[in-house]
N, C-alpha and C. Protein backbone atom coordinates (compact mmCIF):
# COMPACT_ATOMS: atom_id res chain seq x y z
N UNK A 1 -48.31 -75.66 -85.96
CA UNK A 1 -48.91 -75.60 -84.79
C UNK A 1 -48.77 -76.49 -83.90
N UNK A 2 -48.28 -77.58 -84.11
CA UNK A 2 -47.96 -78.76 -83.11
C UNK A 2 -46.90 -78.30 -82.41
N UNK A 3 -45.77 -77.74 -82.85
CA UNK A 3 -44.91 -77.25 -82.12
C UNK A 3 -45.17 -76.19 -80.88
N UNK A 4 -46.13 -75.35 -81.30
CA UNK A 4 -46.49 -74.29 -80.39
C UNK A 4 -47.34 -74.92 -79.15
N UNK A 5 -48.14 -76.04 -79.44
CA UNK A 5 -48.76 -76.78 -78.33
C UNK A 5 -47.89 -77.54 -77.38
N UNK A 6 -46.87 -78.10 -77.94
CA UNK A 6 -45.69 -78.86 -77.06
C UNK A 6 -45.09 -77.85 -76.15
N UNK A 7 -44.91 -76.59 -76.74
CA UNK A 7 -44.28 -75.59 -75.78
C UNK A 7 -44.98 -75.25 -74.58
N UNK A 8 -46.25 -75.22 -74.73
CA UNK A 8 -47.26 -74.75 -73.79
C UNK A 8 -47.37 -76.05 -72.91
N UNK A 9 -47.42 -77.25 -73.21
CA UNK A 9 -47.35 -78.45 -72.08
C UNK A 9 -46.07 -78.43 -71.27
N UNK A 10 -44.99 -77.99 -71.87
CA UNK A 10 -43.76 -78.17 -71.11
C UNK A 10 -43.80 -76.88 -70.06
N UNK A 11 -44.41 -75.81 -70.38
CA UNK A 11 -44.51 -74.80 -69.39
C UNK A 11 -45.43 -75.16 -68.07
N UNK A 12 -46.57 -75.94 -68.55
CA UNK A 12 -47.46 -76.38 -67.48
C UNK A 12 -46.70 -77.34 -66.58
N UNK A 13 -45.98 -78.24 -67.07
CA UNK A 13 -45.22 -79.15 -66.34
C UNK A 13 -44.05 -78.39 -65.36
N UNK A 14 -43.33 -77.36 -66.15
CA UNK A 14 -42.51 -76.59 -65.15
C UNK A 14 -43.11 -75.85 -64.15
N UNK A 15 -44.25 -75.33 -64.37
CA UNK A 15 -44.98 -74.46 -63.50
C UNK A 15 -45.51 -75.37 -62.32
N UNK A 16 -46.00 -76.56 -62.74
CA UNK A 16 -46.52 -77.47 -61.56
C UNK A 16 -45.28 -78.04 -60.73
N UNK A 17 -44.22 -78.23 -61.37
CA UNK A 17 -42.92 -78.66 -60.45
C UNK A 17 -42.57 -77.47 -59.64
N UNK A 18 -42.48 -76.39 -60.08
CA UNK A 18 -42.11 -75.19 -59.35
C UNK A 18 -42.96 -74.88 -58.14
N UNK A 19 -44.23 -74.89 -58.42
CA UNK A 19 -45.36 -74.82 -57.37
C UNK A 19 -45.20 -75.93 -56.37
N UNK A 20 -45.09 -77.10 -56.83
CA UNK A 20 -44.89 -78.28 -55.96
C UNK A 20 -43.61 -78.14 -55.03
N UNK A 21 -42.52 -77.69 -55.54
CA UNK A 21 -41.49 -77.48 -54.88
C UNK A 21 -41.44 -76.43 -53.83
N UNK A 22 -42.24 -75.28 -54.16
CA UNK A 22 -42.45 -74.28 -53.20
C UNK A 22 -43.47 -74.71 -52.02
N UNK A 23 -44.50 -75.43 -52.39
CA UNK A 23 -45.21 -76.04 -51.10
C UNK A 23 -44.54 -76.87 -50.36
N UNK A 24 -43.70 -77.77 -51.03
CA UNK A 24 -42.81 -78.72 -50.20
C UNK A 24 -41.85 -77.92 -49.14
N UNK A 25 -41.25 -76.96 -49.66
CA UNK A 25 -40.25 -76.08 -48.90
C UNK A 25 -41.04 -75.48 -47.79
N UNK A 26 -42.20 -74.95 -48.01
CA UNK A 26 -42.99 -74.28 -47.02
C UNK A 26 -43.44 -75.23 -45.98
N UNK A 27 -43.90 -76.44 -46.34
CA UNK A 27 -44.17 -77.48 -45.39
C UNK A 27 -43.22 -77.96 -44.66
N UNK A 28 -42.05 -78.12 -45.30
CA UNK A 28 -40.88 -78.60 -44.35
C UNK A 28 -40.51 -77.63 -43.26
N UNK A 29 -40.52 -76.31 -43.81
CA UNK A 29 -40.20 -75.27 -42.85
C UNK A 29 -41.19 -75.16 -41.56
N UNK A 30 -42.51 -75.44 -41.91
CA UNK A 30 -43.39 -75.58 -40.74
C UNK A 30 -43.29 -76.68 -39.82
N UNK A 31 -43.10 -77.90 -40.43
CA UNK A 31 -42.72 -78.90 -39.96
C UNK A 31 -41.49 -79.12 -38.75
N UNK A 32 -40.49 -78.26 -39.44
CA UNK A 32 -39.23 -78.02 -38.57
C UNK A 32 -39.53 -77.14 -37.36
N UNK A 33 -40.37 -76.15 -37.62
CA UNK A 33 -40.70 -75.24 -36.33
C UNK A 33 -41.61 -76.13 -35.39
N UNK A 34 -42.34 -76.99 -36.12
CA UNK A 34 -43.29 -77.72 -34.91
C UNK A 34 -42.51 -78.69 -34.20
N UNK A 35 -41.50 -79.45 -34.67
CA UNK A 35 -40.81 -80.30 -34.22
C UNK A 35 -39.93 -79.74 -33.08
N UNK A 36 -39.42 -78.44 -33.51
CA UNK A 36 -38.24 -77.94 -32.30
C UNK A 36 -39.44 -77.40 -31.25
N UNK A 37 -40.55 -76.99 -31.45
CA UNK A 37 -41.27 -76.45 -30.34
C UNK A 37 -41.82 -77.71 -29.55
N UNK A 38 -42.10 -78.90 -30.12
CA UNK A 38 -42.41 -80.06 -29.42
C UNK A 38 -41.27 -80.39 -28.57
N UNK A 39 -39.98 -80.56 -29.09
CA UNK A 39 -38.77 -80.80 -28.44
C UNK A 39 -38.56 -79.85 -27.12
N UNK A 40 -38.78 -78.66 -27.32
CA UNK A 40 -38.64 -77.61 -26.30
C UNK A 40 -39.54 -77.90 -25.05
N UNK A 41 -40.77 -78.12 -25.50
CA UNK A 41 -41.76 -78.34 -24.43
C UNK A 41 -41.57 -79.81 -23.69
N UNK A 42 -41.00 -80.78 -24.48
CA UNK A 42 -40.78 -81.90 -23.78
C UNK A 42 -39.46 -81.85 -22.85
N UNK A 43 -38.47 -81.06 -23.22
CA UNK A 43 -37.27 -80.84 -22.50
C UNK A 43 -37.73 -79.93 -21.05
N UNK A 44 -38.64 -79.11 -21.35
CA UNK A 44 -39.22 -78.18 -20.28
C UNK A 44 -39.91 -79.04 -19.17
N UNK A 45 -40.81 -80.03 -19.61
CA UNK A 45 -41.51 -80.99 -18.64
C UNK A 45 -40.54 -81.79 -17.96
N UNK A 46 -39.53 -82.36 -18.82
CA UNK A 46 -38.57 -83.26 -18.12
C UNK A 46 -37.62 -82.60 -17.01
N UNK A 47 -37.28 -81.29 -17.37
CA UNK A 47 -36.50 -80.58 -16.43
C UNK A 47 -37.39 -80.24 -15.18
N UNK A 48 -38.57 -79.90 -15.29
CA UNK A 48 -39.38 -79.75 -14.20
C UNK A 48 -39.54 -80.96 -13.24
N UNK A 49 -39.73 -82.09 -13.99
CA UNK A 49 -40.04 -83.42 -13.28
C UNK A 49 -38.64 -83.61 -12.42
N UNK A 50 -37.44 -83.39 -13.06
CA UNK A 50 -36.26 -83.74 -12.24
C UNK A 50 -36.12 -82.68 -11.14
N UNK A 51 -36.42 -81.41 -11.41
CA UNK A 51 -36.25 -80.38 -10.31
C UNK A 51 -37.15 -80.62 -9.16
N UNK A 52 -38.38 -80.93 -9.53
CA UNK A 52 -39.46 -81.08 -8.48
C UNK A 52 -39.17 -82.44 -7.57
N UNK A 53 -38.50 -83.41 -8.36
CA UNK A 53 -38.08 -84.74 -7.80
C UNK A 53 -37.02 -84.31 -6.74
N UNK A 54 -36.13 -83.65 -6.99
CA UNK A 54 -35.14 -83.23 -6.13
C UNK A 54 -35.57 -82.38 -4.91
N UNK A 55 -36.55 -81.44 -5.35
CA UNK A 55 -37.28 -80.85 -4.19
C UNK A 55 -37.90 -81.66 -3.16
N UNK A 56 -38.62 -82.60 -3.69
CA UNK A 56 -39.40 -83.51 -2.80
C UNK A 56 -38.41 -84.17 -2.06
N UNK A 57 -37.29 -84.67 -2.55
CA UNK A 57 -36.27 -85.40 -1.78
C UNK A 57 -35.73 -84.56 -0.65
N UNK A 58 -35.38 -83.30 -0.88
CA UNK A 58 -35.06 -82.40 0.19
C UNK A 58 -36.04 -82.23 1.38
N UNK A 59 -37.28 -81.95 0.75
CA UNK A 59 -38.31 -81.85 1.79
C UNK A 59 -38.49 -83.00 2.67
N UNK A 60 -38.41 -84.29 2.01
CA UNK A 60 -38.58 -85.38 2.95
C UNK A 60 -37.71 -85.69 3.88
N UNK A 61 -36.40 -85.37 3.43
CA UNK A 61 -35.17 -85.36 4.43
C UNK A 61 -35.23 -84.41 5.48
N UNK A 62 -35.54 -83.24 5.14
CA UNK A 62 -35.91 -82.16 6.13
C UNK A 62 -36.86 -82.45 7.19
N UNK A 63 -38.08 -83.05 6.66
CA UNK A 63 -39.24 -83.41 7.51
C UNK A 63 -38.65 -84.43 8.47
N UNK A 64 -37.99 -85.49 7.96
CA UNK A 64 -37.51 -86.61 8.95
C UNK A 64 -36.30 -86.25 9.84
N UNK A 65 -35.69 -85.02 9.57
CA UNK A 65 -34.56 -84.63 10.42
C UNK A 65 -34.98 -83.61 11.43
N UNK A 66 -36.27 -83.35 11.55
CA UNK A 66 -36.77 -82.31 12.71
C UNK A 66 -36.29 -82.87 14.02
N UNK A 67 -36.39 -81.93 15.04
CA UNK A 67 -35.99 -82.37 16.30
C UNK A 67 -36.83 -83.44 16.86
N UNK A 68 -38.12 -83.44 16.59
CA UNK A 68 -39.23 -84.33 17.06
C UNK A 68 -39.04 -85.68 16.32
N UNK A 69 -38.53 -85.78 15.13
CA UNK A 69 -38.23 -87.03 14.31
C UNK A 69 -36.96 -87.49 14.63
N UNK A 70 -35.94 -86.70 14.14
CA UNK A 70 -34.58 -87.36 14.44
C UNK A 70 -34.29 -88.73 13.96
N UNK A 71 -34.52 -88.77 12.58
CA UNK A 71 -34.28 -90.30 12.09
C UNK A 71 -33.11 -90.38 11.42
N UNK A 72 -32.26 -89.35 11.36
CA UNK A 72 -30.74 -89.38 10.89
C UNK A 72 -29.83 -89.10 12.13
N UNK A 73 -29.60 -89.94 13.07
CA UNK A 73 -28.81 -89.61 14.19
C UNK A 73 -27.37 -89.75 13.55
N UNK A 74 -26.39 -89.06 14.23
CA UNK A 74 -24.92 -89.20 13.90
C UNK A 74 -24.58 -90.44 13.85
N UNK A 75 -24.83 -91.27 14.85
CA UNK A 75 -24.40 -92.74 14.81
C UNK A 75 -25.63 -93.51 15.49
N UNK A 76 -25.88 -94.55 14.72
CA UNK A 76 -27.07 -95.39 15.04
C UNK A 76 -27.68 -96.15 13.86
N UNK A 77 -28.58 -96.99 14.33
CA UNK A 77 -29.16 -97.93 13.09
C UNK A 77 -30.01 -97.06 12.16
N UNK A 78 -30.14 -97.60 11.05
CA UNK A 78 -31.17 -96.98 10.09
C UNK A 78 -32.57 -96.94 10.45
N UNK A 79 -33.42 -95.98 10.21
CA UNK A 79 -34.64 -96.01 10.69
C UNK A 79 -35.52 -95.91 9.47
N UNK A 80 -36.79 -96.67 9.55
CA UNK A 80 -37.65 -96.49 8.44
C UNK A 80 -38.17 -95.01 8.26
N UNK A 81 -38.34 -94.68 7.08
CA UNK A 81 -38.91 -93.36 6.86
C UNK A 81 -39.70 -93.63 5.56
N UNK A 82 -40.84 -92.67 5.52
CA UNK A 82 -41.87 -92.85 4.54
C UNK A 82 -41.98 -91.38 3.87
N UNK A 83 -41.76 -91.26 2.65
CA UNK A 83 -42.03 -89.94 1.95
C UNK A 83 -43.39 -89.98 0.98
N UNK A 84 -43.42 -91.11 0.39
CA UNK A 84 -44.60 -91.17 -0.73
C UNK A 84 -45.24 -92.25 -0.49
N UNK A 85 -45.87 -92.52 0.74
CA UNK A 85 -46.76 -93.67 1.08
C UNK A 85 -45.94 -94.93 0.74
N UNK A 86 -44.58 -94.95 0.62
CA UNK A 86 -44.09 -96.23 0.58
C UNK A 86 -42.86 -96.08 1.55
N UNK A 87 -42.50 -96.96 2.56
CA UNK A 87 -41.49 -97.08 3.50
C UNK A 87 -40.34 -97.28 2.78
N UNK A 88 -39.21 -96.46 3.27
CA UNK A 88 -37.90 -96.37 2.64
C UNK A 88 -36.92 -96.67 3.84
N UNK A 89 -35.93 -97.56 3.58
CA UNK A 89 -35.03 -97.77 4.68
C UNK A 89 -33.58 -97.17 4.20
N UNK A 90 -33.32 -96.10 4.84
CA UNK A 90 -31.92 -95.66 4.35
C UNK A 90 -30.79 -96.44 4.59
N UNK A 91 -29.78 -96.37 3.83
CA UNK A 91 -28.61 -97.23 4.02
C UNK A 91 -28.09 -96.90 5.40
N UNK A 92 -27.38 -98.00 6.06
CA UNK A 92 -26.92 -97.61 7.35
C UNK A 92 -25.63 -96.67 7.25
N UNK A 93 -25.36 -95.98 8.38
CA UNK A 93 -24.34 -94.76 8.43
C UNK A 93 -23.05 -95.35 7.94
N UNK A 94 -22.34 -94.55 7.16
CA UNK A 94 -21.04 -95.12 6.59
C UNK A 94 -19.88 -95.01 7.77
N UNK A 95 -18.83 -95.47 7.54
CA UNK A 95 -17.78 -95.51 8.62
C UNK A 95 -17.13 -94.18 9.09
N UNK A 96 -17.58 -93.08 8.09
CA UNK A 96 -16.93 -91.84 8.41
C UNK A 96 -17.89 -90.96 9.11
N UNK A 97 -18.93 -91.32 9.59
CA UNK A 97 -19.88 -90.73 10.45
C UNK A 97 -21.39 -90.97 10.02
N UNK A 98 -22.30 -90.37 10.38
CA UNK A 98 -23.62 -90.39 10.09
C UNK A 98 -24.11 -90.11 8.67
N UNK A 99 -23.70 -90.89 7.75
CA UNK A 99 -24.11 -90.66 6.32
C UNK A 99 -25.27 -91.61 5.73
N UNK A 100 -26.29 -91.08 5.50
CA UNK A 100 -27.25 -91.87 5.12
C UNK A 100 -27.71 -91.54 3.52
N UNK A 101 -28.13 -92.62 2.92
CA UNK A 101 -28.63 -92.42 1.57
C UNK A 101 -30.08 -93.12 1.30
N UNK A 102 -30.87 -92.57 0.44
CA UNK A 102 -32.00 -93.36 0.15
C UNK A 102 -32.71 -92.79 -1.01
N UNK A 103 -33.69 -93.40 -1.60
CA UNK A 103 -34.31 -93.02 -2.87
C UNK A 103 -35.73 -92.78 -2.63
N UNK A 104 -36.23 -91.70 -3.25
CA UNK A 104 -37.76 -91.44 -3.30
C UNK A 104 -38.22 -91.88 -4.82
N UNK A 105 -39.07 -92.75 -5.12
CA UNK A 105 -39.45 -92.90 -6.71
C UNK A 105 -40.83 -92.84 -6.77
N UNK A 106 -41.22 -92.98 -7.88
CA UNK A 106 -42.67 -92.70 -8.12
C UNK A 106 -43.29 -91.32 -8.25
N UNK A 107 -42.27 -90.29 -8.61
CA UNK A 107 -42.57 -88.83 -8.60
C UNK A 107 -42.84 -88.43 -10.19
N UNK A 108 -43.13 -87.31 -10.30
CA UNK A 108 -43.21 -86.66 -11.66
C UNK A 108 -44.60 -86.93 -12.29
N UNK A 109 -44.58 -86.26 -13.50
CA UNK A 109 -45.89 -86.19 -14.16
C UNK A 109 -46.20 -87.64 -14.76
N UNK A 110 -45.18 -88.37 -14.93
CA UNK A 110 -45.54 -89.91 -15.42
C UNK A 110 -45.28 -90.93 -14.35
N UNK A 111 -44.84 -90.48 -13.19
CA UNK A 111 -44.59 -91.26 -12.14
C UNK A 111 -43.24 -92.11 -12.28
N UNK A 112 -42.32 -91.59 -13.25
CA UNK A 112 -41.05 -92.25 -13.49
C UNK A 112 -39.95 -91.41 -12.81
N UNK A 113 -40.14 -90.31 -12.30
CA UNK A 113 -39.18 -89.46 -11.69
C UNK A 113 -38.65 -90.02 -10.43
N UNK A 114 -37.57 -89.59 -9.98
CA UNK A 114 -37.07 -90.21 -8.62
C UNK A 114 -36.12 -89.24 -8.18
N UNK A 115 -35.70 -89.32 -6.85
CA UNK A 115 -34.66 -88.50 -6.21
C UNK A 115 -33.78 -89.53 -5.43
N UNK A 116 -32.34 -89.28 -5.55
CA UNK A 116 -31.50 -89.85 -4.61
C UNK A 116 -30.91 -88.90 -3.75
N UNK A 117 -31.18 -89.26 -2.39
CA UNK A 117 -30.88 -88.36 -1.19
C UNK A 117 -29.79 -88.95 -0.44
N UNK A 118 -28.86 -88.03 -0.14
CA UNK A 118 -27.78 -88.42 0.86
C UNK A 118 -27.77 -87.24 2.02
N UNK A 119 -27.86 -87.68 3.20
CA UNK A 119 -27.94 -86.85 4.47
C UNK A 119 -26.61 -87.30 5.18
N UNK A 120 -25.77 -86.17 5.51
CA UNK A 120 -24.66 -86.18 6.11
C UNK A 120 -24.51 -85.55 7.40
N UNK A 121 -24.24 -86.15 8.47
CA UNK A 121 -24.31 -85.50 9.79
C UNK A 121 -23.00 -85.57 10.28
N UNK A 122 -22.50 -84.33 10.84
CA UNK A 122 -21.13 -84.33 11.45
C UNK A 122 -21.33 -83.80 12.80
N UNK A 123 -20.29 -83.90 13.78
CA UNK A 123 -20.43 -83.65 15.34
C UNK A 123 -20.35 -82.19 15.47
N UNK A 124 -20.24 -81.40 14.39
CA UNK A 124 -19.92 -79.94 14.47
C UNK A 124 -21.06 -79.26 15.20
N UNK A 125 -22.44 -79.31 15.24
CA UNK A 125 -23.22 -80.14 14.38
C UNK A 125 -23.43 -79.44 12.98
N UNK A 126 -23.26 -80.09 11.95
CA UNK A 126 -23.57 -79.81 10.71
C UNK A 126 -24.35 -80.86 10.00
N UNK A 127 -25.41 -80.40 9.33
CA UNK A 127 -26.06 -81.43 8.47
C UNK A 127 -25.96 -80.93 6.99
N UNK A 128 -25.66 -81.82 6.22
CA UNK A 128 -25.81 -81.54 4.66
C UNK A 128 -26.74 -82.55 3.94
N UNK A 129 -27.65 -82.16 3.17
CA UNK A 129 -28.51 -82.91 2.37
C UNK A 129 -28.48 -82.59 1.10
N UNK A 130 -28.00 -83.47 0.27
CA UNK A 130 -27.98 -83.62 -1.32
C UNK A 130 -28.92 -84.34 -1.77
N UNK A 131 -29.89 -83.61 -2.69
CA UNK A 131 -30.86 -84.44 -3.43
C UNK A 131 -30.62 -84.47 -4.81
N UNK A 132 -30.52 -85.52 -5.54
CA UNK A 132 -30.43 -85.51 -7.03
C UNK A 132 -31.57 -85.96 -7.68
N UNK A 133 -32.40 -85.02 -8.41
CA UNK A 133 -33.71 -85.60 -8.93
C UNK A 133 -33.29 -85.96 -10.46
N UNK A 134 -34.13 -87.05 -10.82
CA UNK A 134 -33.94 -87.55 -12.27
C UNK A 134 -35.39 -87.62 -12.80
N UNK A 135 -35.54 -87.22 -14.09
CA UNK A 135 -36.86 -87.33 -14.66
C UNK A 135 -37.26 -88.72 -15.11
N UNK A 136 -36.34 -89.56 -15.24
CA UNK A 136 -36.89 -91.05 -15.64
C UNK A 136 -35.91 -92.07 -15.06
N UNK A 137 -35.96 -92.14 -13.48
CA UNK A 137 -35.18 -93.09 -12.81
C UNK A 137 -35.82 -94.40 -12.87
N UNK A 138 -37.19 -94.55 -12.96
CA UNK A 138 -37.81 -95.78 -12.73
C UNK A 138 -37.97 -96.08 -11.19
N UNK A 139 -38.38 -97.48 -10.98
CA UNK A 139 -38.74 -97.99 -9.78
C UNK A 139 -37.37 -98.09 -8.80
N UNK A 140 -36.22 -98.09 -9.53
CA UNK A 140 -34.93 -98.40 -8.85
C UNK A 140 -34.15 -97.08 -8.59
N UNK A 141 -34.66 -96.01 -9.24
CA UNK A 141 -33.97 -94.60 -9.26
C UNK A 141 -32.39 -94.89 -10.01
N UNK A 142 -32.55 -95.47 -11.06
CA UNK A 142 -31.40 -95.66 -11.98
C UNK A 142 -31.56 -94.78 -13.09
N UNK A 143 -30.82 -93.70 -13.19
CA UNK A 143 -31.20 -92.81 -14.24
C UNK A 143 -30.66 -93.48 -15.67
N UNK A 144 -31.40 -93.06 -16.87
CA UNK A 144 -31.29 -93.72 -17.99
C UNK A 144 -30.33 -92.82 -18.83
N UNK A 145 -29.95 -93.24 -20.06
CA UNK A 145 -28.97 -92.47 -20.86
C UNK A 145 -29.28 -91.21 -21.07
N UNK A 146 -30.62 -90.72 -21.43
CA UNK A 146 -31.11 -89.36 -21.70
C UNK A 146 -31.72 -88.76 -20.51
N UNK A 147 -31.40 -89.22 -19.32
CA UNK A 147 -31.97 -88.45 -18.10
C UNK A 147 -31.51 -87.11 -17.80
N UNK A 148 -32.50 -86.39 -17.44
CA UNK A 148 -32.09 -85.02 -16.84
C UNK A 148 -31.93 -85.01 -15.36
N UNK A 149 -30.87 -84.47 -14.87
CA UNK A 149 -30.54 -84.39 -13.40
C UNK A 149 -30.46 -83.04 -12.87
N UNK A 150 -31.18 -82.76 -11.73
CA UNK A 150 -31.06 -81.52 -11.07
C UNK A 150 -30.69 -81.90 -9.73
N UNK A 151 -29.78 -81.01 -9.14
CA UNK A 151 -29.27 -81.35 -7.67
C UNK A 151 -29.74 -79.96 -6.83
N UNK A 152 -30.05 -80.48 -5.66
CA UNK A 152 -30.28 -79.31 -4.48
C UNK A 152 -29.53 -79.70 -3.54
N UNK A 153 -28.84 -78.70 -2.71
CA UNK A 153 -28.01 -78.88 -1.73
C UNK A 153 -28.55 -77.96 -0.50
N UNK A 154 -28.41 -78.78 0.61
CA UNK A 154 -29.03 -77.80 1.73
C UNK A 154 -27.88 -78.12 2.88
N UNK A 155 -27.51 -77.03 3.61
CA UNK A 155 -26.61 -77.20 4.75
C UNK A 155 -26.98 -76.33 5.84
N UNK A 156 -27.21 -76.82 7.06
CA UNK A 156 -27.65 -76.14 8.38
C UNK A 156 -26.94 -76.70 9.45
């Protein structure tokens, strides 16, 4: 009779280990799905922050390049502009003509997004504005290792 009881104890342990393995497999599968969903939503947020930062940079440059503003002349000194309640001085024109660059910081859902904007004027007259938005450029608009960049280009 003792041999018969030992066989039943072994069966209970085997059943418990099998059940635990099955529950562990199910919980790991659910955790994997949850992790992927979290990563997907974070990437979507970061992409939106980068795109809207680039869009803000384009809109700021277009606003200041209107005929009544004309803050980006083909030749001339850099002029103060303000995009987000912070005055920004564009870099002076390069030697090749009226090329200005400036950054807009403090954008996005966490205030860490930024945009680097380049406005190029030629005598044709042709204006090209390139705005590169980053999701985590910080206060100096220097993109990090895992930054997401979105670029918008406008020519008129």
